[in-house]
Protein backbone atom coordinates (compact mmCIF):
# COMPACT_ATOMS: atom_id res chain seq x y z
CA MET A 1 -6.12 8.45 -34.98
CA ILE A 2 -9.43 7.30 -32.44
CA LYS A 3 -12.36 9.06 -33.65
CA GLY A 4 -12.86 12.16 -30.50
CA GLN A 5 -9.09 11.55 -29.75
CA ARG A 6 -8.16 15.96 -31.42
CA LEU A 7 -10.40 16.53 -29.06
CA VAL A 8 -9.48 15.24 -26.27
CA ARG A 9 -5.64 16.43 -27.49
CA SER A 10 -6.57 19.44 -27.61
CA LEU A 11 -8.71 19.61 -23.58
CA LEU A 12 -6.40 16.96 -21.33
CA THR A 13 -4.27 19.91 -20.14
CA VAL A 14 -3.94 18.18 -16.33
CA SER A 15 -1.30 19.06 -14.54
CA GLY A 16 1.47 16.86 -13.16
CA LEU A 17 0.99 14.28 -15.88
CA LEU A 18 4.30 13.04 -17.58
CA PHE A 19 3.75 13.15 -21.43
CA CYS A 20 5.18 11.87 -25.06
CA HIS A 21 3.54 13.27 -27.89
CA ILE A 22 -0.34 13.27 -26.72
CA ALA A 23 -1.84 13.74 -23.74
CA SER A 24 -3.50 10.00 -24.85
CA SER A 25 0.54 8.14 -24.60
CA ALA A 26 0.44 9.24 -20.18
CA VAL A 27 2.26 8.10 -16.77
CA LEU A 28 1.25 9.46 -13.78
CA GLY A 29 4.49 9.81 -12.13
CA PRO A 30 5.85 9.62 -7.91
CA GLY A 31 4.48 12.09 -7.62
CA TYR A 32 1.93 13.67 -8.99
CA SER A 33 -2.09 13.53 -8.42
CA LEU A 34 -5.51 13.13 -10.68
CA THR A 35 -8.90 14.04 -9.58
CA ARG A 36 -12.76 13.67 -10.48
CA GLY A 37 -13.22 15.12 -13.64
CA GLN A 38 -9.31 14.41 -15.41
CA ARG A 39 -8.85 11.21 -17.16
CA LEU A 40 -5.58 8.66 -17.82
CA TYR A 41 -5.50 7.39 -21.26
CA SER A 42 -4.49 4.38 -22.79
CA THR A 43 -1.73 4.21 -25.47
CA ASP A 44 -4.16 3.80 -28.40
CA GLY A 45 -6.68 6.01 -26.84
CA ARG A 46 -9.29 2.27 -26.05
CA PHE A 47 -9.37 2.16 -22.68
CA PHE A 48 -8.95 5.70 -19.77
CA ALA A 49 -8.43 5.84 -16.16
CA HIS A 50 -10.69 8.26 -13.53
CA VAL A 51 -11.81 8.56 -10.25
CA ASP A 52 -15.80 8.91 -9.77
CA ASP A 53 -17.88 11.27 -8.22
CA ASP A 54 -18.92 8.15 -5.64
CA GLY A 55 -15.43 7.57 -5.73
CA ASP A 56 -14.58 4.94 -7.55
CA PHE A 57 -11.49 4.68 -9.41
CA ALA A 58 -11.76 2.91 -12.17
CA VAL A 59 -10.77 2.18 -15.99
CA VAL A 60 -13.62 2.04 -18.70
CA ARG A 61 -13.60 1.61 -22.39
CA THR A 62 -13.83 4.38 -24.11
CA ALA A 63 -15.97 3.34 -27.05
CA ASP A 64 -19.02 2.08 -24.60
CA GLY A 65 -18.29 3.23 -20.65
CA ALA A 66 -17.93 -0.33 -19.80
CA ARG A 67 -16.14 -0.62 -16.57
CA ALA A 68 -13.18 -2.95 -16.98
CA TRP A 69 -12.05 -2.72 -13.96
CA SER A 70 -12.61 -0.83 -9.49
CA THR A 71 -11.63 -0.14 -7.03
CA ARG A 72 -15.11 -1.02 -5.50
CA THR A 73 -14.32 2.05 -3.37
CA ALA A 74 -17.38 3.13 -4.03
CA GLY A 75 -18.94 5.83 -1.18
CA SER A 76 -15.97 6.05 0.03
CA GLY A 77 -15.74 9.93 -0.43
CA ALA A 78 -12.84 8.90 -2.59
CA THR A 79 -11.54 12.36 -4.78
CA THR A 80 -7.86 11.77 -5.98
CA ALA A 81 -5.93 9.28 -7.46
CA SER A 82 -2.26 10.07 -5.94
CA MET A 83 1.27 8.40 -7.66
CA GLN A 84 3.21 8.43 -4.05
CA ARG A 85 6.99 8.73 -3.70
CA ASP A 86 6.74 5.49 -1.83
CA GLY A 87 5.92 3.42 -5.10
CA ALA A 88 1.85 2.63 -3.98
CA LEU A 89 -0.73 4.03 -5.42
CA VAL A 90 -3.09 5.47 -3.60
CA LEU A 91 -6.91 6.85 -4.13
CA LEU A 92 -7.27 9.64 -0.78
CA THR A 93 -10.25 10.82 -0.13
CA SER A 94 -10.91 15.25 0.43
CA ASP A 95 -9.25 15.01 4.29
CA GLY A 96 -6.47 12.70 3.57
CA ARG A 97 -7.51 9.91 4.68
CA ALA A 98 -6.71 6.65 2.67
CA ALA A 99 -9.67 4.24 1.09
CA TRP A 100 -7.46 2.10 -1.04
CA ARG A 101 -3.92 0.95 -1.83
CA SER A 102 -1.90 -0.41 -4.09
CA PRO A 103 0.64 -3.46 -3.01
CA THR A 104 3.17 -1.43 -4.65
CA GLY A 105 6.11 0.48 -3.02
CA GLY A 106 9.71 1.91 -3.60
CA ARG A 107 11.07 4.30 -6.22
CA HIS A 108 10.89 4.61 -10.07
CA ARG A 109 6.76 3.35 -9.13
CA VAL A 110 4.44 4.46 -12.23
CA PHE A 111 0.65 4.14 -12.91
CA GLY A 112 -0.51 3.41 -16.55
CA VAL A 113 -3.44 2.03 -18.02
CA THR A 114 -2.82 -0.41 -21.05
CA SER A 115 -4.14 -1.33 -24.39
CA TRP A 116 -5.15 -4.30 -23.61
CA GLY A 117 -7.85 -2.42 -20.10
CA THR A 118 -5.23 -2.62 -17.13
CA ALA A 119 -4.67 -0.39 -14.41
CA VAL A 120 -0.83 -1.25 -14.01
CA VAL A 121 2.22 0.05 -11.44
CA ILE A 122 5.13 -0.21 -13.52
CA ASP A 123 9.00 -0.75 -11.87
CA ALA A 124 10.19 1.74 -13.93
CA ARG A 125 14.49 1.99 -12.73
CA LYS A 126 16.26 -0.11 -14.82
CA TRP A 127 14.24 1.81 -18.40
CA LYS A 128 16.25 3.67 -20.84
CA PRO A 129 14.69 5.46 -23.50
CA ARG A 130 15.60 5.64 -26.44
CA ARG A 131 15.71 9.70 -26.89
CA LYS A 132 17.08 12.19 -24.12
CA ARG A 133 13.65 13.07 -23.76
CA GLY A 134 11.70 10.29 -22.44
CA GLU A 135 8.63 8.26 -23.93
CA PRO A 136 6.28 7.48 -21.01
CA ILE A 137 3.95 5.17 -23.04
CA VAL A 138 3.51 2.10 -21.42
CA GLU A 139 4.30 -0.02 -24.13
CA ARG A 140 7.19 1.46 -24.73
CA MET A 141 8.85 0.73 -21.12
CA LEU A 142 6.97 -1.90 -21.07
CA ARG A 143 9.47 -3.20 -24.22
CA ARG A 144 12.78 -1.15 -22.54
CA ARG A 145 13.55 -2.98 -19.30
CA ALA A 146 10.25 -1.64 -17.66
CA PHE A 147 8.67 -4.02 -15.40
CA ILE A 148 4.57 -4.73 -14.53
CA GLU A 149 4.81 -5.14 -10.65
CA TRP A 150 0.93 -4.64 -9.94
CA GLN A 151 -1.94 -5.25 -12.44
CA SER A 152 -5.35 -5.63 -12.18
CA THR A 153 -7.50 -7.72 -13.99
CA ALA A 154 -8.05 -7.85 -17.85
CA PHE A 155 -11.16 -6.59 -19.50
CA ASP A 156 -10.74 -8.44 -22.87
CA GLN A 157 -7.20 -10.20 -23.26
CA GLN A 158 -4.49 -11.93 -21.58
CA PRO A 159 -1.49 -9.19 -20.40
CA LYS A 160 1.33 -9.07 -23.45
CA TYR A 161 3.89 -8.79 -21.65
CA ARG A 162 5.20 -11.27 -19.08
CA GLN A 163 5.37 -9.75 -15.23
CA ARG A 164 9.21 -10.64 -13.93
C-alpha cells in the first residue's frame, strides 16, 4: 500500500465516480464529473487527475507533484471535468462553456488515469467484467476487451496496451 493511500481511501467520497474496492481505482463514467478539489487516482495511486484552481486539468505524479500531462487551459476559468454521455471528456467553466474537449465520441466511454501516467478515454462497449458487479479499473478493463480510444502523452513510460 502506498504511504498515505489509506487516508485517501477514507477521505475521498466523490459522488459520481464508479468505485471498485477503493477510490484510487476509479473511472469517471458517462454523465459524471470531477470538480476542483477532487482527485481521480490511478490504480496504483502513483498518479491522479484534477482540475487546478487556475482552470487547467492535469494528470500529476503523486510522489512529487510533477505534471505528467495537462490540457493547457490555465486562465480559462474551468471548474469541472465532465465525462459526457456523448463520449467526450469536456472541461467546463462555471457558466457551462467548454474550455477543452477530448477528440472522442460514442456510448460506453469512460475516463481514467493509467498507472503509467496518462489520461485515457476508454471504449468499454465490449468490456466484460469477471464478476456481475463490474470492476472499473483501467488496466483490468483493457485486459478484458476494452480499448483506448484516446490517450494523453505518457510521463515516463510507454503504454502497456495496444490501441485498436
